[in-house]
Protein backbone atom coordinates (compact mmCIF):
# COMPACT_ATOMS: atom_id res chain seq x y z
CA MET A 1 0.00 0.00 0.00
CA THR A 2 1.36 3.43 -0.84
CA GLY A 3 1.94 6.04 1.83
CA GLN A 4 -0.61 8.75 2.51
CA ALA A 5 -0.02 12.47 2.17
CA GLY A 6 2.30 13.81 4.84
CA GLU A 7 4.04 10.46 5.29
CA GLY A 8 7.09 11.46 3.24
CA SER A 9 7.97 11.28 -0.43
CA GLY A 10 8.15 8.09 -2.44
CA ARG A 11 6.44 4.80 -1.68
CA SER A 12 5.95 3.58 1.87
CA ILE A 13 4.14 0.71 3.53
CA GLN A 14 1.36 2.24 5.59
CA SER A 15 1.37 -0.38 8.35
CA VAL A 16 5.12 0.02 8.86
CA PHE A 17 4.78 3.79 8.89
CA ARG A 18 2.00 3.63 11.48
CA SER A 19 3.88 1.13 13.62
CA LEU A 20 6.90 3.43 13.73
CA LYS A 21 4.67 6.38 14.60
CA ILE A 22 3.23 4.35 17.49
CA LEU A 23 6.73 3.61 18.78
CA GLU A 24 7.64 7.26 18.45
CA TYR A 25 4.49 8.37 20.27
CA VAL A 26 4.90 5.93 23.16
CA ALA A 27 8.59 6.81 23.50
CA GLY A 28 7.61 10.47 23.92
CA GLN A 29 5.24 9.83 26.83
CA ARG A 30 6.38 10.07 30.43
CA SER A 31 4.23 7.10 31.45
CA PRO A 32 2.63 4.07 29.76
CA ALA A 33 -0.13 4.98 27.30
CA GLY A 34 -3.54 3.38 26.80
CA LEU A 35 -4.86 2.13 23.45
CA THR A 36 -7.36 4.98 23.08
CA GLU A 37 -4.70 7.57 23.86
CA ILE A 38 -2.30 6.06 21.30
CA SER A 39 -4.90 5.84 18.54
CA LYS A 40 -5.96 9.45 19.08
CA GLY A 41 -2.37 10.58 19.43
CA ILE A 42 -1.36 9.41 15.97
CA GLY A 43 -4.77 9.72 14.34
CA ILE A 44 -5.72 6.15 13.46
CA HIS A 45 -8.67 3.90 14.29
CA LYS A 46 -8.52 2.10 17.62
CA SER A 47 -8.83 -1.36 16.05
CA THR A 48 -5.98 -0.61 13.65
CA ALA A 49 -3.77 0.56 16.50
CA HIS A 50 -4.61 -2.56 18.49
CA GLY A 51 -3.57 -4.86 15.66
CA LEU A 52 -0.27 -3.07 15.10
CA ILE A 53 0.53 -2.96 18.81
CA ALA A 54 -0.30 -6.65 19.22
CA THR A 55 2.13 -7.51 16.43
CA MET A 56 4.90 -5.37 17.94
CA GLU A 57 4.20 -6.88 21.35
CA LYS A 58 4.76 -10.39 19.98
CA CYS A 59 8.10 -9.23 18.57
CA GLY A 60 9.18 -7.59 21.83
CA PHE A 61 8.93 -3.96 20.67
CA MET A 62 5.95 -3.16 22.91
CA GLN A 63 4.84 -4.45 26.27
CA GLN A 64 1.56 -4.23 28.13
CA ASP A 65 1.08 -3.79 31.83
CA PRO A 66 -1.48 -6.49 32.74
CA SER A 67 -2.79 -4.47 35.70
CA THR A 68 -3.57 -1.30 33.75
CA GLY A 69 -3.70 -2.51 30.15
CA LYS A 70 -1.40 0.34 29.14
CA TYR A 71 1.59 0.05 26.82
CA SER A 72 5.24 0.99 26.99
CA LEU A 73 8.28 0.24 24.86
CA GLY A 74 9.55 -3.33 24.91
CA ILE A 75 13.01 -4.72 25.55
CA LYS A 76 13.77 -5.01 21.83
CA VAL A 77 13.73 -1.22 21.47
CA PHE A 78 16.30 -0.95 24.26
CA GLU A 79 18.45 -3.67 22.72
CA MET A 80 18.43 -1.98 19.33
CA GLY A 81 19.29 1.37 20.92
CA GLN A 82 22.22 -0.17 22.75
CA ALA A 83 23.41 -1.84 19.55
CA TYR A 84 23.30 1.52 17.77
CA ILE A 85 25.25 3.26 20.52
CA SER A 86 27.86 0.49 20.78
CA ASN A 87 28.54 0.81 17.06
CA LEU A 88 29.14 4.55 17.26
CA ASP A 89 32.72 5.76 17.03
CA LEU A 90 32.89 8.79 19.31
CA ARG A 91 35.70 10.42 17.35
CA GLU A 92 33.96 9.93 14.02
CA LEU A 93 30.64 11.14 15.39
CA ALA A 94 32.11 14.22 17.08
CA LEU A 95 34.49 15.31 14.33
CA PRO A 96 32.00 17.40 12.26
CA TYR A 97 30.99 19.27 15.41
CA LEU A 98 34.61 19.90 16.38
CA LYS A 99 35.28 21.25 12.89
CA GLU A 100 32.27 23.56 13.11
CA LEU A 101 33.33 24.85 16.53
CA SER A 102 36.92 25.40 15.39
CA LEU A 103 35.77 27.16 12.21
CA THR A 104 33.46 29.49 14.12
CA TYR A 105 36.19 30.76 16.45
CA GLN A 106 39.23 29.95 14.26
CA GLU A 107 40.75 28.36 17.37
CA THR A 108 41.60 24.83 18.51
CA ALA A 109 38.77 22.44 19.38
CA HIS A 110 39.48 19.38 21.51
CA LEU A 111 37.73 16.11 22.31
CA ALA A 112 38.96 14.45 25.51
CA ILE A 113 38.25 11.61 27.93
CA LEU A 114 39.34 10.98 31.53
CA SER A 115 42.07 8.52 32.49
CA ALA A 116 42.64 8.53 36.26
CA GLU A 117 43.67 12.10 37.17
CA GLU A 118 44.64 12.98 33.60
CA VAL A 119 42.81 13.83 30.39
CA VAL A 120 43.56 12.07 27.14
CA TYR A 121 42.95 14.02 23.93
CA ILE A 122 41.31 11.68 21.44
CA ASP A 123 40.83 14.31 18.72
CA LYS A 124 41.87 17.86 17.92
CA VAL A 125 40.97 20.34 15.18
CA ASP A 126 43.18 23.39 14.71
CA GLY A 127 41.64 26.66 13.59
CA SER A 128 43.12 29.11 11.13
CA ARG A 129 44.34 31.35 13.99
CA SER A 130 45.50 28.51 16.24
CA ILE A 131 48.67 29.03 18.21
CA GLY A 132 51.01 26.32 19.37
CA ILE A 133 48.96 24.62 22.07
CA ARG A 134 50.61 21.90 24.12
CA SER A 135 48.23 19.13 23.16
CA GLN A 136 48.22 16.32 20.65
CA VAL A 137 45.93 13.42 19.85
CA GLY A 138 46.84 10.67 22.30
CA GLY A 139 48.57 13.15 24.58
CA ARG A 140 47.79 13.69 28.24
CA ASN A 141 47.41 16.72 30.49
CA PRO A 142 46.42 17.09 34.15
CA ALA A 143 42.70 17.16 34.85
CA HIS A 144 42.73 19.57 37.77
CA CYS A 145 43.86 22.62 35.78
CA THR A 146 42.36 22.10 32.32
CA GLY A 147 38.86 22.95 31.16
CA VAL A 148 38.18 19.49 29.76
CA GLY A 149 39.62 17.95 32.90
CA LYS A 150 37.35 19.83 35.27
CA VAL A 151 34.34 18.97 33.09
CA LEU A 152 35.26 15.28 33.18
CA LEU A 153 35.82 15.37 36.94
CA SER A 154 32.35 16.91 37.34
CA GLY A 155 30.93 13.57 36.22
CA LEU A 156 32.35 11.94 39.37
CA ASP A 157 31.04 12.34 42.90
CA GLU A 158 33.07 13.96 45.67
CA ARG A 159 34.06 10.61 47.19
CA GLN A 160 35.48 9.40 43.89
CA ILE A 161 37.45 12.61 43.37
CA LYS A 162 38.90 12.51 46.88
CA LYS A 163 39.94 8.91 46.37
CA MET A 164 41.53 9.77 43.02
CA TYR A 165 43.70 12.50 44.54
CA LEU A 166 44.50 10.67 47.76
CA ASP A 167 48.22 11.16 48.51
CA LYS A 168 48.65 13.12 45.26
CA THR A 169 49.85 16.69 44.96
CA LEU A 170 48.01 19.14 42.74
CA ARG A 171 50.93 20.55 40.79
CA LYS A 172 50.89 24.31 40.34
CA TYR A 173 51.64 25.11 36.68
CA THR A 174 50.89 28.85 36.80
CA ARG A 175 49.92 31.40 39.43
CA ASN A 176 46.26 30.61 38.60
CA THR A 177 46.44 26.84 39.14
CA VAL A 178 44.32 25.47 41.95
CA SER A 179 46.69 23.60 44.25
CA ASP A 180 44.44 22.28 47.03
CA LEU A 181 41.72 19.66 46.82
CA SER A 182 39.08 21.75 48.58
CA GLY A 183 39.56 24.50 46.01
CA LEU A 184 39.29 22.00 43.16
CA LEU A 185 36.08 20.57 44.63
CA ARG A 186 34.59 24.07 44.80
CA GLN A 187 35.44 24.63 41.14
CA ILE A 188 33.91 21.31 40.13
CA CYS A 189 30.74 22.13 42.05
CA GLN A 190 30.50 25.36 40.05
CA VAL A 191 31.04 23.43 36.80
CA ARG A 192 28.05 21.21 37.61
CA LYS A 193 25.88 24.27 38.32
CA GLN A 194 26.76 26.23 35.18
CA GLY A 195 27.24 23.29 32.79
CA TYR A 196 30.72 24.22 31.60
CA ALA A 197 34.28 24.76 32.82
CA ILE A 198 36.79 27.53 32.18
CA ASP A 199 40.57 27.31 32.31
CA LEU A 200 41.86 30.85 32.80
CA GLU A 201 45.60 30.41 32.21
CA GLU A 202 45.66 27.65 34.82
CA PHE A 203 47.77 25.18 32.87
CA GLU A 204 49.63 27.52 30.55
CA LEU A 205 50.02 31.30 30.67
CA ASP A 206 48.12 33.26 27.99
CA LEU A 207 45.96 30.22 27.20
CA ARG A 208 42.27 29.94 27.96
CA CYS A 209 39.84 27.09 27.45
CA ILE A 210 36.07 26.65 27.65
CA ALA A 211 34.78 23.07 27.91
CA ALA A 212 31.42 21.30 28.22
CA PRO A 213 30.41 17.68 28.96
CA ILE A 214 29.36 15.07 26.43
CA LYS A 215 26.88 12.66 28.02
CA ASP A 216 25.82 9.16 27.06
CA SER A 217 22.33 7.69 26.99
CA THR A 218 22.34 7.24 30.78
CA GLY A 219 23.31 10.85 31.44
CA ALA A 220 26.85 9.96 32.52
CA VAL A 221 29.70 12.25 31.46
CA LEU A 222 31.49 10.33 28.73
CA ALA A 223 33.84 12.93 27.25
CA ALA A 224 34.42 16.66 26.97
CA VAL A 225 34.59 19.12 24.09
CA SER A 226 36.40 22.43 24.27
CA ILE A 227 37.63 25.49 22.44
CA SER A 228 41.07 26.85 23.36
CA GLY A 229 42.89 30.02 22.42
CA PRO A 230 44.99 32.93 23.66
CA SER A 231 43.64 35.22 26.38
CA ASN A 232 43.54 38.25 24.07
CA ARG A 233 41.02 36.47 21.81
CA LEU A 234 38.94 34.47 24.31
CA LEU A 235 37.94 37.65 26.11
CA ASP A 236 35.91 37.91 29.32
CA ALA A 237 33.22 39.90 27.51
CA LYS A 238 32.67 37.08 25.02
CA MET A 239 33.07 34.21 27.49
CA SER A 240 29.36 33.67 28.14
CA ASP A 241 28.42 33.52 24.44
CA THR A 242 31.33 31.22 23.67
CA ALA A 243 30.40 28.94 26.57
CA SER A 244 26.83 28.71 25.24
CA HIS A 245 28.15 27.62 21.85
CA VAL A 246 30.44 25.00 23.39
CA ILE A 247 27.56 23.68 25.52
CA GLU A 248 25.36 23.50 22.43
CA THR A 249 28.06 21.59 20.55
CA ALA A 250 28.46 19.10 23.41
CA MET A 251 24.69 18.65 23.59
CA LYS A 252 24.43 17.89 19.86
CA ILE A 253 27.02 15.13 20.25
CA SER A 254 25.31 13.85 23.41
CA ILE A 255 21.97 13.59 21.62
CA ARG A 256 23.62 11.59 18.85
CA LEU A 257 24.80 9.23 21.61
CA GLY A 258 21.26 8.73 22.86
CA TYR A 259 21.16 11.35 25.59
CA LYS A 260 17.74 12.93 26.26
CA GLN A 261 17.47 16.45 27.64
């Protein structure tokens, strides 16, 4: 059967189209939905909706609560989502967004993950105005005084952070470097509140960085994205707007990873 108007161009199988719309509708609800609600929600007859749902239920894509008769997504949807996420290459997925961020500011964009008390840069895109920044793909820098590092640490709880830095000294790289754990914890608390981290010449003089968290489908901080440049270009007056752009970039990548706002 050919698709109806509004169901996209080309030929489509109406029952498949409607089944997918049911899945999409149920996924968008905060609680299980009843048959009448679903049929009205996507604009099809109740009997048609029942037949499609029954078929999806047999295949594990829908499940019914026997006490209420309402429907929610089945385990197969979760399994397929996990399979999609597991096949994603974070670097490959994030690269277009890093390029866009770098192009916008003509500065260096980084993608980093946490390894103990250090960050590992897994990708880097230099802008046309980039200066010699002490980072390279596969390279490491301390987490406590870098923007990406503080963002990644914000994904841990206080107990985990204290354990990580137990019997370790916070090396002071510049006059701005935080060198005590209580100070670092205060900074990380602020990062969680505002949704981004700033490195104001804390690792290297005349170098600033703004970073935001990339989250996975569970909401856990998986990686960090940042823009870095000299202090005379990443100015205080523009910091808020730049931070908003970095946060937006991180969110776009997070959504591609299955994260829901």
